[in-house]
N, C-alpha and C. Protein backbone atom coordinates (compact mmCIF):
# COMPACT_ATOMS: atom_id res chain seq x y z
N MET A 1 20.03 -17.06 -8.32
CA MET A 1 19.68 -16.00 -7.39
C MET A 1 19.31 -14.72 -8.14
N SER A 2 20.04 -14.40 -9.18
CA SER A 2 19.75 -13.17 -9.93
C SER A 2 18.41 -13.27 -10.66
N LYS A 3 18.03 -14.50 -11.06
CA LYS A 3 16.74 -14.69 -11.73
C LYS A 3 15.60 -14.29 -10.78
N MET A 4 15.76 -14.63 -9.50
CA MET A 4 14.75 -14.28 -8.51
C MET A 4 14.61 -12.75 -8.40
N TRP A 5 15.72 -12.03 -8.38
CA TRP A 5 15.66 -10.57 -8.27
C TRP A 5 15.03 -9.94 -9.50
N VAL A 6 15.29 -10.52 -10.66
CA VAL A 6 14.66 -10.02 -11.89
C VAL A 6 13.14 -10.22 -11.79
N GLN A 7 12.72 -11.39 -11.33
CA GLN A 7 11.28 -11.65 -11.18
C GLN A 7 10.65 -10.69 -10.18
N LEU A 8 11.33 -10.44 -9.07
CA LEU A 8 10.79 -9.52 -8.07
C LEU A 8 10.70 -8.10 -8.61
N PHE A 9 11.73 -7.68 -9.33
CA PHE A 9 11.71 -6.35 -9.94
C PHE A 9 10.57 -6.24 -10.96
N MET A 10 10.39 -7.29 -11.76
CA MET A 10 9.33 -7.26 -12.77
C MET A 10 7.94 -7.26 -12.12
N SER A 11 7.78 -7.96 -11.01
CA SER A 11 6.48 -7.93 -10.33
C SER A 11 6.19 -6.52 -9.81
N PHE A 12 7.20 -5.86 -9.29
CA PHE A 12 7.09 -4.48 -8.82
C PHE A 12 6.70 -3.56 -9.97
N THR A 13 7.42 -3.71 -11.10
CA THR A 13 7.17 -2.88 -12.28
C THR A 13 5.78 -3.14 -12.87
N LEU A 14 5.39 -4.40 -12.91
CA LEU A 14 4.06 -4.78 -13.40
C LEU A 14 2.97 -4.07 -12.60
N ALA A 15 3.11 -4.08 -11.30
CA ALA A 15 2.09 -3.46 -10.45
C ALA A 15 2.02 -1.95 -10.67
N ILE A 16 3.17 -1.32 -10.84
CA ILE A 16 3.17 0.13 -11.10
C ILE A 16 2.50 0.42 -12.44
N GLY A 17 2.87 -0.33 -13.48
CA GLY A 17 2.27 -0.12 -14.80
C GLY A 17 0.77 -0.33 -14.79
N PHE A 18 0.32 -1.40 -14.16
CA PHE A 18 -1.10 -1.69 -14.08
C PHE A 18 -1.82 -0.59 -13.30
N SER A 19 -1.23 -0.19 -12.18
CA SER A 19 -1.84 0.84 -11.34
C SER A 19 -1.93 2.18 -12.07
N LEU A 20 -0.90 2.50 -12.83
CA LEU A 20 -0.93 3.75 -13.62
C LEU A 20 -2.02 3.69 -14.68
N SER A 21 -2.16 2.55 -15.33
CA SER A 21 -3.16 2.44 -16.39
C SER A 21 -4.58 2.55 -15.85
N PHE A 22 -4.76 2.21 -14.57
CA PHE A 22 -6.08 2.35 -13.95
C PHE A 22 -6.18 3.58 -13.06
N ARG A 23 -5.24 4.50 -13.26
CA ARG A 23 -5.24 5.81 -12.62
C ARG A 23 -5.33 5.75 -11.10
N LEU A 24 -4.55 4.88 -10.53
CA LEU A 24 -4.44 4.83 -9.07
C LEU A 24 -3.77 6.12 -8.60
N LYS A 25 -4.20 6.64 -7.49
CA LYS A 25 -3.60 7.88 -6.97
C LYS A 25 -2.10 7.68 -6.76
N PRO A 26 -1.32 8.71 -7.04
CA PRO A 26 0.14 8.58 -6.90
C PRO A 26 0.60 8.11 -5.52
N ARG A 27 -0.11 8.50 -4.47
CA ARG A 27 0.31 8.09 -3.13
C ARG A 27 0.06 6.60 -2.88
N HIS A 28 -0.75 5.95 -3.72
CA HIS A 28 -1.01 4.52 -3.58
C HIS A 28 -0.14 3.66 -4.49
N LEU A 29 0.59 4.28 -5.42
CA LEU A 29 1.39 3.51 -6.38
C LEU A 29 2.46 2.66 -5.71
N LEU A 30 3.27 3.28 -4.88
CA LEU A 30 4.36 2.56 -4.23
C LEU A 30 3.85 1.44 -3.32
N PRO A 31 2.85 1.70 -2.46
CA PRO A 31 2.34 0.60 -1.64
C PRO A 31 1.76 -0.55 -2.47
N ALA A 32 1.10 -0.25 -3.58
CA ALA A 32 0.56 -1.30 -4.44
C ALA A 32 1.68 -2.13 -5.05
N ALA A 33 2.74 -1.47 -5.49
CA ALA A 33 3.89 -2.18 -6.08
C ALA A 33 4.63 -3.00 -5.04
N ILE A 34 4.73 -2.47 -3.83
CA ILE A 34 5.38 -3.24 -2.75
C ILE A 34 4.57 -4.50 -2.45
N GLY A 35 3.26 -4.41 -2.53
CA GLY A 35 2.41 -5.59 -2.33
C GLY A 35 2.68 -6.67 -3.36
N ALA A 36 2.87 -6.27 -4.61
CA ALA A 36 3.17 -7.24 -5.67
C ALA A 36 4.55 -7.87 -5.43
N PHE A 37 5.51 -7.04 -5.08
CA PHE A 37 6.87 -7.52 -4.78
C PHE A 37 6.82 -8.51 -3.63
N TRP A 38 6.13 -8.13 -2.56
CA TRP A 38 6.00 -8.96 -1.37
C TRP A 38 5.30 -10.28 -1.70
N GLY A 39 4.21 -10.21 -2.43
CA GLY A 39 3.46 -11.41 -2.78
C GLY A 39 4.27 -12.38 -3.62
N TRP A 40 5.00 -11.86 -4.60
CA TRP A 40 5.81 -12.73 -5.45
C TRP A 40 6.97 -13.33 -4.65
N ALA A 41 7.54 -12.56 -3.73
CA ALA A 41 8.61 -13.08 -2.88
C ALA A 41 8.09 -14.22 -2.01
N VAL A 42 6.91 -14.05 -1.44
CA VAL A 42 6.31 -15.10 -0.62
C VAL A 42 6.03 -16.33 -1.48
N TYR A 43 5.53 -16.12 -2.70
CA TYR A 43 5.26 -17.24 -3.60
C TYR A 43 6.55 -18.01 -3.91
N LEU A 44 7.60 -17.30 -4.29
CA LEU A 44 8.87 -17.96 -4.64
C LEU A 44 9.44 -18.73 -3.45
N LEU A 45 9.40 -18.12 -2.28
CA LEU A 45 9.90 -18.78 -1.08
C LEU A 45 9.06 -20.01 -0.74
N SER A 46 7.74 -19.88 -0.81
CA SER A 46 6.85 -21.00 -0.52
C SER A 46 7.04 -22.13 -1.52
N LEU A 47 7.18 -21.78 -2.78
CA LEU A 47 7.36 -22.81 -3.81
C LEU A 47 8.67 -23.56 -3.62
N SER A 48 9.72 -22.85 -3.25
CA SER A 48 11.02 -23.51 -3.05
C SER A 48 11.00 -24.42 -1.82
N ARG A 49 10.21 -24.07 -0.82
CA ARG A 49 10.17 -24.86 0.41
C ARG A 49 9.15 -26.00 0.35
N LEU A 50 8.02 -25.75 -0.29
CA LEU A 50 6.90 -26.69 -0.24
C LEU A 50 6.72 -27.51 -1.51
N ASP A 51 7.24 -27.02 -2.63
CA ASP A 51 7.14 -27.71 -3.91
C ASP A 51 5.70 -28.04 -4.31
N SER A 52 4.79 -27.11 -4.01
CA SER A 52 3.39 -27.29 -4.38
C SER A 52 2.85 -25.95 -4.88
N ILE A 53 2.43 -25.91 -6.12
CA ILE A 53 1.91 -24.67 -6.69
C ILE A 53 0.66 -24.21 -5.96
N PHE A 54 -0.20 -25.14 -5.60
CA PHE A 54 -1.43 -24.77 -4.90
C PHE A 54 -1.12 -24.12 -3.56
N ILE A 55 -0.30 -24.76 -2.75
CA ILE A 55 0.03 -24.22 -1.42
C ILE A 55 0.80 -22.91 -1.55
N ALA A 56 1.74 -22.86 -2.48
CA ALA A 56 2.53 -21.63 -2.66
C ALA A 56 1.65 -20.46 -3.08
N SER A 57 0.72 -20.69 -3.99
CA SER A 57 -0.16 -19.60 -4.41
C SER A 57 -1.16 -19.24 -3.31
N LEU A 58 -1.59 -20.22 -2.53
CA LEU A 58 -2.48 -19.96 -1.40
C LEU A 58 -1.77 -19.09 -0.36
N VAL A 59 -0.55 -19.46 0.01
CA VAL A 59 0.21 -18.70 1.01
C VAL A 59 0.48 -17.28 0.50
N ALA A 60 0.85 -17.16 -0.77
CA ALA A 60 1.11 -15.83 -1.34
C ALA A 60 -0.17 -14.99 -1.38
N ALA A 61 -1.29 -15.60 -1.74
CA ALA A 61 -2.56 -14.87 -1.78
C ALA A 61 -2.97 -14.42 -0.38
N VAL A 62 -2.74 -15.26 0.62
CA VAL A 62 -3.02 -14.86 2.00
C VAL A 62 -2.16 -13.66 2.38
N ALA A 63 -0.87 -13.73 2.05
CA ALA A 63 0.05 -12.63 2.37
C ALA A 63 -0.38 -11.33 1.69
N ILE A 64 -0.75 -11.41 0.42
CA ILE A 64 -1.16 -10.21 -0.32
C ILE A 64 -2.48 -9.67 0.21
N ALA A 65 -3.44 -10.55 0.46
CA ALA A 65 -4.74 -10.11 0.96
C ALA A 65 -4.61 -9.48 2.35
N LEU A 66 -3.78 -10.06 3.21
CA LEU A 66 -3.54 -9.46 4.53
C LEU A 66 -2.90 -8.09 4.39
N TYR A 67 -1.90 -8.01 3.54
CA TYR A 67 -1.23 -6.74 3.28
C TYR A 67 -2.24 -5.70 2.79
N ALA A 68 -3.08 -6.09 1.84
CA ALA A 68 -4.06 -5.16 1.26
C ALA A 68 -5.08 -4.71 2.30
N GLU A 69 -5.57 -5.64 3.10
CA GLU A 69 -6.58 -5.29 4.12
C GLU A 69 -6.00 -4.37 5.18
N LEU A 70 -4.81 -4.68 5.65
CA LEU A 70 -4.20 -3.86 6.70
C LEU A 70 -3.82 -2.48 6.16
N LEU A 71 -3.28 -2.45 4.96
CA LEU A 71 -2.91 -1.17 4.35
C LEU A 71 -4.14 -0.32 4.05
N ALA A 72 -5.22 -0.97 3.65
CA ALA A 72 -6.46 -0.24 3.36
C ALA A 72 -6.97 0.47 4.61
N ARG A 73 -6.85 -0.18 5.75
CA ARG A 73 -7.29 0.45 6.99
C ARG A 73 -6.38 1.62 7.36
N LYS A 74 -5.08 1.44 7.15
CA LYS A 74 -4.12 2.50 7.45
C LYS A 74 -4.33 3.71 6.53
N GLU A 75 -4.52 3.45 5.25
CA GLU A 75 -4.66 4.51 4.24
C GLU A 75 -6.10 5.02 4.10
N ARG A 76 -7.04 4.35 4.75
CA ARG A 76 -8.46 4.67 4.61
C ARG A 76 -8.88 4.66 3.13
N ALA A 77 -8.57 3.53 2.52
CA ALA A 77 -8.86 3.34 1.09
C ALA A 77 -9.39 1.92 0.91
N PRO A 78 -10.06 1.64 -0.19
CA PRO A 78 -10.53 0.27 -0.43
C PRO A 78 -9.36 -0.71 -0.58
N ALA A 79 -9.53 -1.90 -0.05
CA ALA A 79 -8.48 -2.91 -0.11
C ALA A 79 -8.18 -3.34 -1.54
N THR A 80 -9.16 -3.25 -2.42
CA THR A 80 -8.94 -3.67 -3.81
C THR A 80 -7.87 -2.83 -4.51
N LEU A 81 -7.64 -1.60 -4.04
CA LEU A 81 -6.59 -0.77 -4.63
C LEU A 81 -5.22 -1.43 -4.47
N PHE A 82 -5.05 -2.18 -3.42
CA PHE A 82 -3.77 -2.83 -3.14
C PHE A 82 -3.80 -4.32 -3.47
N LEU A 83 -4.99 -4.90 -3.41
CA LEU A 83 -5.13 -6.34 -3.64
C LEU A 83 -4.90 -6.71 -5.11
N ILE A 84 -5.56 -6.03 -6.01
CA ILE A 84 -5.48 -6.41 -7.43
C ILE A 84 -4.08 -6.24 -7.99
N PRO A 85 -3.41 -5.11 -7.80
CA PRO A 85 -2.02 -5.03 -8.29
C PRO A 85 -1.11 -6.06 -7.62
N GLY A 86 -1.38 -6.36 -6.36
CA GLY A 86 -0.57 -7.35 -5.65
C GLY A 86 -0.73 -8.76 -6.19
N LEU A 87 -1.93 -9.07 -6.64
CA LEU A 87 -2.21 -10.43 -7.14
C LEU A 87 -1.78 -10.64 -8.59
N LEU A 88 -1.56 -9.57 -9.32
CA LEU A 88 -1.24 -9.70 -10.75
C LEU A 88 -0.08 -10.65 -11.06
N PRO A 89 1.02 -10.59 -10.32
CA PRO A 89 2.11 -11.52 -10.65
C PRO A 89 1.73 -12.99 -10.48
N LEU A 90 0.71 -13.26 -9.67
CA LEU A 90 0.30 -14.65 -9.44
C LEU A 90 -0.60 -15.20 -10.54
N VAL A 91 -1.17 -14.34 -11.35
CA VAL A 91 -2.10 -14.80 -12.38
C VAL A 91 -1.38 -15.77 -13.32
N PRO A 92 -1.93 -16.97 -13.49
CA PRO A 92 -1.23 -18.02 -14.25
C PRO A 92 -1.37 -17.89 -15.76
N GLY A 93 -1.00 -16.75 -16.30
CA GLY A 93 -1.15 -16.50 -17.73
C GLY A 93 -0.34 -17.43 -18.60
N GLY A 94 0.90 -17.69 -18.21
CA GLY A 94 1.76 -18.59 -18.99
C GLY A 94 1.20 -20.00 -19.05
N ASN A 95 0.76 -20.50 -17.91
CA ASN A 95 0.20 -21.85 -17.87
C ASN A 95 -1.08 -21.94 -18.70
N LEU A 96 -1.90 -20.90 -18.64
CA LEU A 96 -3.12 -20.89 -19.43
C LEU A 96 -2.80 -20.85 -20.92
N TYR A 97 -1.80 -20.08 -21.30
CA TYR A 97 -1.37 -20.02 -22.69
C TYR A 97 -0.94 -21.41 -23.17
N TYR A 98 -0.10 -22.08 -22.39
CA TYR A 98 0.38 -23.40 -22.79
C TYR A 98 -0.76 -24.42 -22.82
N THR A 99 -1.72 -24.28 -21.91
CA THR A 99 -2.89 -25.16 -21.93
C THR A 99 -3.61 -25.03 -23.27
N MET A 100 -3.87 -23.80 -23.68
CA MET A 100 -4.60 -23.58 -24.93
C MET A 100 -3.76 -23.99 -26.13
N SER A 101 -2.47 -23.69 -26.09
CA SER A 101 -1.58 -24.03 -27.20
C SER A 101 -1.53 -25.55 -27.43
N TYR A 102 -1.35 -26.30 -26.35
CA TYR A 102 -1.27 -27.76 -26.49
C TYR A 102 -2.63 -28.37 -26.82
N THR A 103 -3.70 -27.72 -26.39
CA THR A 103 -5.03 -28.20 -26.75
C THR A 103 -5.24 -28.05 -28.25
N VAL A 104 -4.88 -26.89 -28.79
CA VAL A 104 -5.02 -26.63 -30.23
C VAL A 104 -4.13 -27.57 -31.04
N GLN A 105 -2.92 -27.86 -30.53
CA GLN A 105 -1.99 -28.75 -31.22
C GLN A 105 -2.40 -30.22 -31.12
N GLY A 106 -3.35 -30.51 -30.23
CA GLY A 106 -3.82 -31.88 -30.08
C GLY A 106 -2.99 -32.72 -29.12
N ASP A 107 -2.13 -32.11 -28.33
CA ASP A 107 -1.31 -32.83 -27.36
C ASP A 107 -2.06 -32.86 -26.02
N ALA A 108 -2.91 -33.87 -25.86
CA ALA A 108 -3.80 -33.93 -24.70
C ALA A 108 -3.04 -34.07 -23.38
N GLU A 109 -1.94 -34.81 -23.39
CA GLU A 109 -1.19 -35.03 -22.15
C GLU A 109 -0.61 -33.72 -21.60
N LEU A 110 0.05 -32.95 -22.47
CA LEU A 110 0.61 -31.67 -22.02
C LEU A 110 -0.50 -30.65 -21.72
N ALA A 111 -1.58 -30.70 -22.48
CA ALA A 111 -2.71 -29.80 -22.21
C ALA A 111 -3.28 -30.08 -20.83
N ARG A 112 -3.43 -31.36 -20.47
CA ARG A 112 -3.92 -31.74 -19.14
C ARG A 112 -2.96 -31.27 -18.05
N HIS A 113 -1.67 -31.45 -18.30
CA HIS A 113 -0.66 -31.04 -17.31
C HIS A 113 -0.75 -29.54 -17.03
N TYR A 114 -0.76 -28.73 -18.09
CA TYR A 114 -0.81 -27.28 -17.90
C TYR A 114 -2.16 -26.80 -17.38
N SER A 115 -3.23 -27.48 -17.77
CA SER A 115 -4.53 -27.08 -17.23
C SER A 115 -4.61 -27.40 -15.74
N SER A 116 -3.98 -28.48 -15.32
CA SER A 116 -3.92 -28.82 -13.90
C SER A 116 -3.15 -27.75 -13.12
N LEU A 117 -2.03 -27.30 -13.67
CA LEU A 117 -1.26 -26.23 -13.02
C LEU A 117 -2.07 -24.94 -12.93
N THR A 118 -2.78 -24.62 -14.01
CA THR A 118 -3.60 -23.40 -14.05
C THR A 118 -4.68 -23.45 -12.98
N VAL A 119 -5.35 -24.58 -12.88
CA VAL A 119 -6.42 -24.73 -11.89
C VAL A 119 -5.85 -24.66 -10.47
N GLN A 120 -4.70 -25.30 -10.24
CA GLN A 120 -4.08 -25.24 -8.91
C GLN A 120 -3.76 -23.80 -8.52
N PHE A 121 -3.18 -23.07 -9.46
CA PHE A 121 -2.87 -21.65 -9.22
C PHE A 121 -4.13 -20.88 -8.87
N ALA A 122 -5.14 -21.01 -9.71
CA ALA A 122 -6.38 -20.25 -9.53
C ALA A 122 -7.07 -20.60 -8.22
N LEU A 123 -7.13 -21.88 -7.90
CA LEU A 123 -7.77 -22.28 -6.65
C LEU A 123 -6.98 -21.80 -5.43
N GLY A 124 -5.67 -21.84 -5.53
CA GLY A 124 -4.83 -21.34 -4.43
C GLY A 124 -5.05 -19.86 -4.19
N ILE A 125 -5.11 -19.09 -5.27
CA ILE A 125 -5.35 -17.64 -5.15
C ILE A 125 -6.73 -17.39 -4.54
N ALA A 126 -7.74 -18.07 -5.06
CA ALA A 126 -9.11 -17.87 -4.57
C ALA A 126 -9.24 -18.28 -3.11
N ALA A 127 -8.66 -19.41 -2.75
CA ALA A 127 -8.74 -19.88 -1.37
C ALA A 127 -8.01 -18.94 -0.42
N GLY A 128 -6.86 -18.47 -0.82
CA GLY A 128 -6.10 -17.55 0.03
C GLY A 128 -6.84 -16.26 0.29
N MET A 129 -7.39 -15.67 -0.76
CA MET A 129 -8.16 -14.44 -0.60
C MET A 129 -9.39 -14.69 0.27
N SER A 130 -10.06 -15.80 0.03
CA SER A 130 -11.28 -16.12 0.77
C SER A 130 -11.01 -16.29 2.26
N LEU A 131 -9.90 -16.92 2.60
CA LEU A 131 -9.55 -17.09 4.02
C LEU A 131 -9.39 -15.75 4.71
N VAL A 132 -8.69 -14.84 4.07
CA VAL A 132 -8.47 -13.52 4.68
C VAL A 132 -9.77 -12.75 4.76
N TRP A 133 -10.57 -12.77 3.69
CA TRP A 133 -11.84 -12.06 3.71
C TRP A 133 -12.76 -12.62 4.78
N ALA A 134 -12.80 -13.94 4.91
CA ALA A 134 -13.64 -14.56 5.94
C ALA A 134 -13.18 -14.14 7.33
N TYR A 135 -11.88 -14.11 7.54
CA TYR A 135 -11.36 -13.69 8.85
C TYR A 135 -11.78 -12.26 9.16
N PHE A 136 -11.58 -11.34 8.22
CA PHE A 136 -11.91 -9.94 8.48
C PHE A 136 -13.42 -9.73 8.62
N ALA A 137 -14.22 -10.48 7.88
CA ALA A 137 -15.68 -10.37 8.02
C ALA A 137 -16.11 -10.89 9.39
N MET A 138 -15.53 -12.00 9.82
CA MET A 138 -15.86 -12.55 11.13
C MET A 138 -15.43 -11.59 12.24
N ARG A 139 -14.26 -11.03 12.10
CA ARG A 139 -13.74 -10.07 13.08
C ARG A 139 -14.65 -8.85 13.17
N ARG A 140 -15.06 -8.36 12.02
CA ARG A 140 -15.96 -7.19 11.97
C ARG A 140 -17.29 -7.51 12.67
N ASN A 141 -17.82 -8.71 12.43
CA ASN A 141 -19.09 -9.10 13.06
C ASN A 141 -18.95 -9.24 14.57
N VAL A 142 -17.84 -9.79 15.03
CA VAL A 142 -17.60 -9.93 16.47
C VAL A 142 -17.50 -8.55 17.11
N LEU A 143 -16.80 -7.64 16.47
CA LEU A 143 -16.68 -6.28 17.02
C LEU A 143 -18.04 -5.58 17.07
N ARG A 144 -18.87 -5.80 16.07
CA ARG A 144 -20.22 -5.20 16.07
C ARG A 144 -21.07 -5.77 17.20
N LEU A 145 -20.97 -7.09 17.42
CA LEU A 145 -21.73 -7.71 18.51
C LEU A 145 -21.27 -7.18 19.86
N ARG A 146 -19.99 -7.03 20.05
CA ARG A 146 -19.47 -6.48 21.31
C ARG A 146 -19.96 -5.05 21.52
N GLU A 147 -19.97 -4.30 20.43
CA GLU A 147 -20.43 -2.91 20.51
C GLU A 147 -21.89 -2.85 20.93
N ARG A 148 -22.72 -3.74 20.40
CA ARG A 148 -24.15 -3.77 20.74
C ARG A 148 -24.36 -4.16 22.20
N LYS A 149 -23.54 -5.08 22.70
CA LYS A 149 -23.67 -5.52 24.09
C LYS A 149 -23.37 -4.39 25.07
N HIS A 150 -22.46 -3.51 24.69
CA HIS A 150 -22.04 -2.44 25.59
C HIS A 150 -22.95 -1.22 25.53
N ARG A 151 -23.99 -1.27 24.76
CA ARG A 151 -24.93 -0.13 24.67
C ARG A 151 -25.93 -0.16 25.78
């Protein structure tokens, strides 16, 4: 249980550090870090329940993208300000490192295993973000069509 809290704290800290290095406005720092905390919590919960890296990263990416889109509307700021720091904890850096390490060492079986995990992570993140973006784009188009009809 304490390992989970350390991971959540580190995801929060990671988002603040990243946001500071890219000069995010101070009023956006805390919401960006909360997005990372929230996304990693959703990922950990999904992974423990579903035991699938792809589904867990997809669900977490959906949660983060929804959070970013809704917060962007509230704050009148671009969603990417909250999306990118929120997604950082999901980036499969460790798996990619092990993929390359085992490839260089010539251990094809472990390299395949870690490359599979890396691809599952990446596809889950991409699919999750795409679902949310598609929903908001479709919603925006429907609202525009309704607006034109009422003119």
